[in-house]
């Protein structure tokens, strides 16, 4: 099956949808980073702290959007090479900072 071309608009649309999918189990008014941790564990996604292309959220997005290459995730946004960035929802920003600080050892890929 042919995939549509990897464009900025398509990346923004799909990345936003997949980020929201990770948040499905969190509170709508106040994010819950532990719910994000549980969802990533349920999906078997692990990562490396302080590695923008290898954190669990980046690896999750890369598994969903392989046509966009090495997606990176920082504390406030995710980026596809040459296609721009998508802001991270607050809960995922908090999760990313907590993961980088070692708060979720069960998600660290050893």
Foldseek 3Di string as FASTA:
>chain_A
DDDPADALVVCQVVLVVVLVVLQPPADPVDGDLVSSVVSLVVVVFAFAAPDFQTHRSNVSVCVVCVNQPRWGDDLFWIDGPPRGIYGHPNSVSVNNVCVNVVVCVVRHDD
